[in-house]
Amino acid sequence: MASPAFADRPDPLAGDPQALRPLTAELVAAVLRNRGYVVVTDEDGDLLGRWDDSLIWFLRQGALGELLQVRTLAAPTFGIEHVPALYAFCNAWNRDRLWPKAFVHVDDDGRAQVCGEVITDLERGVTPHQLDQLLDRGITTGCQLAAAVGLLPGGTPG
């Protein structure tokens, strides 16, 4: 059954499973729903889900929305005094692992969080199976990063 938000549109997973399709929010949402994941659309129109205590966004970037970005925000927050240790953690993570790219974000209140992102250029299109694999890897590796951040000293649960 289609989500009410997509009830008036054709099923984005229907058709030739080998055919390349343009990356659309509807296709991303359909692939995630097909896995049983719950995602919502935020006020900016971006897809967002929660895995454990961390948030994961599924963004389309680029002039034509052809870049898929799976961005994880690990739940623990840290005081500004922990930023050098968080940089060291992210540098080690990025040296030792391919995905996700880890970085530190400091908000306006001086609280730091670690983020991870996987970006894939899908300018030529993507099959639902390929998109399923890309989303799975982005979610899985984002959750691995979030779990590692949760073990760092000085964090406050999100």
C-alpha atoms as a PDB file:
ATOM      1  CA  MET A   1       0.000   0.000   0.000  1.00  0.00           C
ATOM      2  CA  ALA A   2       1.355   3.418  -0.899  1.00  0.00           C
ATOM      3  CA  SER A   3       2.096   6.030   1.705  1.00  0.00           C
ATOM      4  CA  PRO A   4      -0.584   8.768   1.695  1.00  0.00           C
ATOM      5  CA  ALA A   5       2.078  11.270   0.584  1.00  0.00           C
ATOM      6  CA  PHE A   6       2.689   9.188  -2.545  1.00  0.00           C
ATOM      7  CA  ALA A   7      -0.821   7.757  -3.105  1.00  0.00           C
ATOM      8  CA  ASP A   8      -1.429   9.782  -6.266  1.00  0.00           C
ATOM      9  CA  ARG A   9       1.924   8.828  -7.850  1.00  0.00           C
ATOM     10  CA  PRO A  10       2.991   5.591  -9.538  1.00  0.00           C
ATOM     11  CA  ASP A  11       4.978   3.090  -7.478  1.00  0.00           C
ATOM     12  CA  PRO A  12       8.643   4.126  -7.907  1.00  0.00           C
ATOM     13  CA  LEU A  13       9.762   0.488  -7.510  1.00  0.00           C
ATOM     14  CA  ALA A  14       7.516  -0.799 -10.323  1.00  0.00           C
ATOM     15  CA  GLY A  15       8.906  -1.509 -13.758  1.00  0.00           C
ATOM     16  CA  ASP A  16      12.134  -3.008 -15.048  1.00  0.00           C
ATOM     17  CA  PRO A  17      14.384  -3.627 -12.009  1.00  0.00           C
ATOM     18  CA  GLN A  18      17.510  -3.308 -14.189  1.00  0.00           C
ATOM     19  CA  ALA A  19      16.583   0.071 -15.681  1.00  0.00           C
ATOM     20  CA  LEU A  20      18.479   3.093 -14.437  1.00  0.00           C
ATOM     21  CA  ARG A  21      16.200   5.682 -12.883  1.00  0.00           C
ATOM     22  CA  PRO A  22      16.845   9.246 -11.824  1.00  0.00           C
ATOM     23  CA  LEU A  23      17.493   9.713  -8.118  1.00  0.00           C
ATOM     24  CA  THR A  24      14.298  11.092  -6.588  1.00  0.00           C
ATOM     25  CA  ALA A  25      13.064  11.530  -3.033  1.00  0.00           C
ATOM     26  CA  GLU A  26      10.176   9.199  -3.905  1.00  0.00           C
ATOM     27  CA  LEU A  27      12.561   6.446  -5.019  1.00  0.00           C
ATOM     28  CA  VAL A  28      14.716   6.825  -1.876  1.00  0.00           C
ATOM     29  CA  ALA A  29      11.627   6.737   0.353  1.00  0.00           C
ATOM     30  CA  ALA A  30      10.226   3.685  -1.472  1.00  0.00           C
ATOM     31  CA  VAL A  31      13.488   1.738  -1.107  1.00  0.00           C
ATOM     32  CA  LEU A  32      13.697   2.588   2.599  1.00  0.00           C
ATOM     33  CA  ARG A  33      10.031   1.684   3.179  1.00  0.00           C
ATOM     34  CA  ASN A  34      10.591  -1.586   1.297  1.00  0.00           C
ATOM     35  CA  ARG A  35      13.212  -2.448   3.966  1.00  0.00           C
ATOM     36  CA  GLY A  36      10.673  -1.626   6.674  1.00  0.00           C
ATOM     37  CA  TYR A  37      12.384   1.593   7.766  1.00  0.00           C
ATOM     38  CA  VAL A  38      10.385   4.539   8.994  1.00  0.00           C
ATOM     39  CA  VAL A  39      11.410   7.878   7.541  1.00  0.00           C
ATOM     40  CA  VAL A  40       9.733  11.254   7.646  1.00  0.00           C
ATOM     41  CA  THR A  41      10.105  14.407   5.630  1.00  0.00           C
ATOM     42  CA  ASP A  42      11.490  17.319   7.648  1.00  0.00           C
ATOM     43  CA  GLU A  43      10.521  20.980   7.244  1.00  0.00           C
ATOM     44  CA  ASP A  44      13.156  21.392   4.497  1.00  0.00           C
ATOM     45  CA  GLY A  45      11.683  18.503   2.499  1.00  0.00           C
ATOM     46  CA  ASP A  46      14.548  16.116   3.326  1.00  0.00           C
ATOM     47  CA  LEU A  47      14.048  12.476   4.333  1.00  0.00           C
ATOM     48  CA  LEU A  48      15.065  11.711   7.903  1.00  0.00           C
ATOM     49  CA  GLY A  49      15.079   8.598  10.072  1.00  0.00           C
ATOM     50  CA  ARG A  50      16.216   7.552  13.540  1.00  0.00           C
ATOM     51  CA  TRP A  51      18.488   4.585  14.146  1.00  0.00           C
ATOM     52  CA  ASP A  52      18.990   3.970  17.865  1.00  0.00           C
ATOM     53  CA  ASP A  53      19.637   7.479  19.203  1.00  0.00           C
ATOM     54  CA  SER A  54      21.196   8.868  16.042  1.00  0.00           C
ATOM     55  CA  LEU A  55      19.562  10.728  13.175  1.00  0.00           C
ATOM     56  CA  ILE A  56      20.227   9.887   9.550  1.00  0.00           C
ATOM     57  CA  TRP A  57      19.299  12.192   6.673  1.00  0.00           C
ATOM     58  CA  PHE A  58      18.912  11.050   3.082  1.00  0.00           C
ATOM     59  CA  LEU A  59      19.727  14.109   1.020  1.00  0.00           C
ATOM     60  CA  ARG A  60      19.870  14.839  -2.682  1.00  0.00           C
ATOM     61  CA  GLN A  61      22.548  17.341  -3.571  1.00  0.00           C
ATOM     62  CA  GLY A  62      23.875  18.758  -6.823  1.00  0.00           C
ATOM     63  CA  ALA A  63      22.322  20.959  -9.477  1.00  0.00           C
ATOM     64  CA  LEU A  64      19.982  18.147 -10.569  1.00  0.00           C
ATOM     65  CA  GLY A  65      19.686  16.314  -7.239  1.00  0.00           C
ATOM     66  CA  GLU A  66      21.979  13.612  -8.624  1.00  0.00           C
ATOM     67  CA  LEU A  67      24.205  13.258  -5.559  1.00  0.00           C
ATOM     68  CA  LEU A  68      22.981  10.953  -2.809  1.00  0.00           C
ATOM     69  CA  GLN A  69      24.205  11.951   0.637  1.00  0.00           C
ATOM     70  CA  VAL A  70      23.519   9.723   3.642  1.00  0.00           C
ATOM     71  CA  ARG A  71      24.411  11.871   6.669  1.00  0.00           C
ATOM     72  CA  THR A  72      24.512  10.535  10.223  1.00  0.00           C
ATOM     73  CA  LEU A  73      24.432  12.744  13.311  1.00  0.00           C
ATOM     74  CA  ALA A  74      25.721  10.734  16.264  1.00  0.00           C
ATOM     75  CA  ALA A  75      23.622  11.394  19.355  1.00  0.00           C
ATOM     76  CA  PRO A  76      26.244  12.208  22.022  1.00  0.00           C
ATOM     77  CA  THR A  77      27.136  15.855  22.456  1.00  0.00           C
ATOM     78  CA  PHE A  78      30.447  17.115  23.795  1.00  0.00           C
ATOM     79  CA  GLY A  79      31.670  20.334  25.351  1.00  0.00           C
ATOM     80  CA  ILE A  80      33.908  22.565  23.285  1.00  0.00           C
ATOM     81  CA  GLU A  81      36.927  21.403  25.323  1.00  0.00           C
ATOM     82  CA  HIS A  82      36.555  17.953  23.710  1.00  0.00           C
ATOM     83  CA  VAL A  83      36.857  19.216  20.122  1.00  0.00           C
ATOM     84  CA  PRO A  84      40.608  18.438  19.773  1.00  0.00           C
ATOM     85  CA  ALA A  85      39.981  14.846  20.904  1.00  0.00           C
ATOM     86  CA  LEU A  86      37.016  14.596  18.513  1.00  0.00           C
ATOM     87  CA  TYR A  87      39.199  15.835  15.641  1.00  0.00           C
ATOM     88  CA  ALA A  88      41.758  13.163  16.524  1.00  0.00           C
ATOM     89  CA  PHE A  89      39.002  10.527  16.614  1.00  0.00           C
ATOM     90  CA  CYS A  90      37.663  11.622  13.196  1.00  0.00           C
ATOM     91  CA  ASN A  91      41.156  11.715  11.664  1.00  0.00           C
ATOM     92  CA  ALA A  92      41.843   8.177  12.881  1.00  0.00           C
ATOM     93  CA  TRP A  93      38.421   7.007  11.677  1.00  0.00           C
ATOM     94  CA  ASN A  94      38.955   8.520   8.222  1.00  0.00           C
ATOM     95  CA  ARG A  95      42.445   7.021   7.988  1.00  0.00           C
ATOM     96  CA  ASP A  96      41.299   3.507   8.936  1.00  0.00           C
ATOM     97  CA  ARG A  97      37.883   3.297   7.241  1.00  0.00           C
ATOM     98  CA  LEU A  98      36.446   4.083   3.852  1.00  0.00           C
ATOM     99  CA  TRP A  99      32.916   5.004   5.004  1.00  0.00           C
ATOM    100  CA  PRO A 100      31.503   7.171   6.353  1.00  0.00           C
ATOM    101  CA  LYS A 101      33.625  10.283   6.218  1.00  0.00           C
ATOM    102  CA  ALA A 102      33.621  11.566   9.814  1.00  0.00           C
ATOM    103  CA  PHE A 103      33.758  15.204  10.867  1.00  0.00           C
ATOM    104  CA  VAL A 104      33.033  17.413  13.869  1.00  0.00           C
ATOM    105  CA  HIS A 105      30.168  19.903  13.932  1.00  0.00           C
ATOM    106  CA  VAL A 106      30.026  22.616  16.616  1.00  0.00           C
ATOM    107  CA  ASP A 107      26.630  24.269  17.012  1.00  0.00           C
ATOM    108  CA  ASP A 108      25.904  27.857  18.010  1.00  0.00           C
ATOM    109  CA  ASP A 109      25.675  26.840  21.683  1.00  0.00           C
ATOM    110  CA  GLY A 110      29.243  25.468  21.659  1.00  0.00           C
ATOM    111  CA  ARG A 111      28.194  21.815  21.776  1.00  0.00           C
ATOM    112  CA  ALA A 112      30.088  19.462  19.469  1.00  0.00           C
ATOM    113  CA  GLN A 113      28.804  16.383  17.699  1.00  0.00           C
ATOM    114  CA  VAL A 114      30.368  13.918  15.302  1.00  0.00           C
ATOM    115  CA  CYS A 115      28.758  13.478  11.908  1.00  0.00           C
ATOM    116  CA  GLY A 116      29.381  10.964   9.175  1.00  0.00           C
ATOM    117  CA  GLU A 117      28.478  11.049   5.532  1.00  0.00           C
ATOM    118  CA  VAL A 118      28.555   8.856   2.477  1.00  0.00           C
ATOM    119  CA  ILE A 119      28.147  10.637  -0.865  1.00  0.00           C
ATOM    120  CA  THR A 120      27.562   8.916  -4.205  1.00  0.00           C
ATOM    121  CA  ASP A 121      27.253  10.532  -7.629  1.00  0.00           C
ATOM    122  CA  LEU A 122      24.260   9.046  -9.437  1.00  0.00           C
ATOM    123  CA  GLU A 123      24.185  11.408 -12.405  1.00  0.00           C
ATOM    124  CA  ARG A 124      23.610   8.533 -14.840  1.00  0.00           C
ATOM    125  CA  GLY A 125      20.871   7.014 -12.680  1.00  0.00           C
ATOM    126  CA  VAL A 126      20.494   4.086 -10.312  1.00  0.00           C
ATOM    127  CA  THR A 127      18.525   0.844 -10.128  1.00  0.00           C
ATOM    128  CA  PRO A 128      16.391   0.215  -7.037  1.00  0.00           C
ATOM    129  CA  HIS A 129      18.756  -2.652  -6.093  1.00  0.00           C
ATOM    130  CA  GLN A 130      21.816  -0.418  -6.364  1.00  0.00           C
ATOM    131  CA  LEU A 131      20.090   2.284  -4.331  1.00  0.00           C
ATOM    132  CA  ASP A 132      19.103  -0.298  -1.705  1.00  0.00           C
ATOM    133  CA  GLN A 133      22.762  -1.330  -1.371  1.00  0.00           C
ATOM    134  CA  LEU A 134      23.986   2.279  -1.168  1.00  0.00           C
ATOM    135  CA  LEU A 135      21.412   3.198   1.469  1.00  0.00           C
ATOM    136  CA  ASP A 136      22.169   0.041   3.458  1.00  0.00           C
ATOM    137  CA  ARG A 137      25.901   0.820   3.478  1.00  0.00           C
ATOM    138  CA  GLY A 138      25.285   4.426   4.460  1.00  0.00           C
ATOM    139  CA  ILE A 139      23.010   3.411   7.332  1.00  0.00           C
ATOM    140  CA  THR A 140      25.199   0.516   8.512  1.00  0.00           C
ATOM    141  CA  THR A 141      28.459   2.459   8.493  1.00  0.00           C
ATOM    142  CA  GLY A 142      26.758   5.520   9.994  1.00  0.00           C
ATOM    143  CA  CYS A 143      25.502   3.360  12.862  1.00  0.00           C
ATOM    144  CA  GLN A 144      29.011   1.921  13.336  1.00  0.00           C
ATOM    145  CA  LEU A 145      30.397   5.459  13.596  1.00  0.00           C
ATOM    146  CA  ALA A 146      27.665   6.481  16.037  1.00  0.00           C
ATOM    147  CA  ALA A 147      28.369   3.428  18.228  1.00  0.00           C
ATOM    148  CA  ALA A 148      32.092   4.271  18.312  1.00  0.00           C
ATOM    149  CA  VAL A 149      31.319   7.906  19.205  1.00  0.00           C
ATOM    150  CA  GLY A 150      29.085   6.660  22.017  1.00  0.00           C
ATOM    151  CA  LEU A 151      32.133   5.045  23.629  1.00  0.00           C
ATOM    152  CA  LEU A 152      34.172   8.260  23.678  1.00  0.00           C
ATOM    153  CA  PRO A 153      34.706   9.906  27.081  1.00  0.00           C
ATOM    154  CA  GLY A 154      32.989  13.183  27.856  1.00  0.00           C
ATOM    155  CA  GLY A 155      29.857  12.684  25.784  1.00  0.00           C
ATOM    156  CA  THR A 156      26.370  13.493  26.984  1.00  0.00           C
ATOM    157  CA  PRO A 157      23.677  11.189  25.588  1.00  0.00           C
ATOM    158  CA  GLY A 158      21.570  12.918  22.933  1.00  0.00           C
END
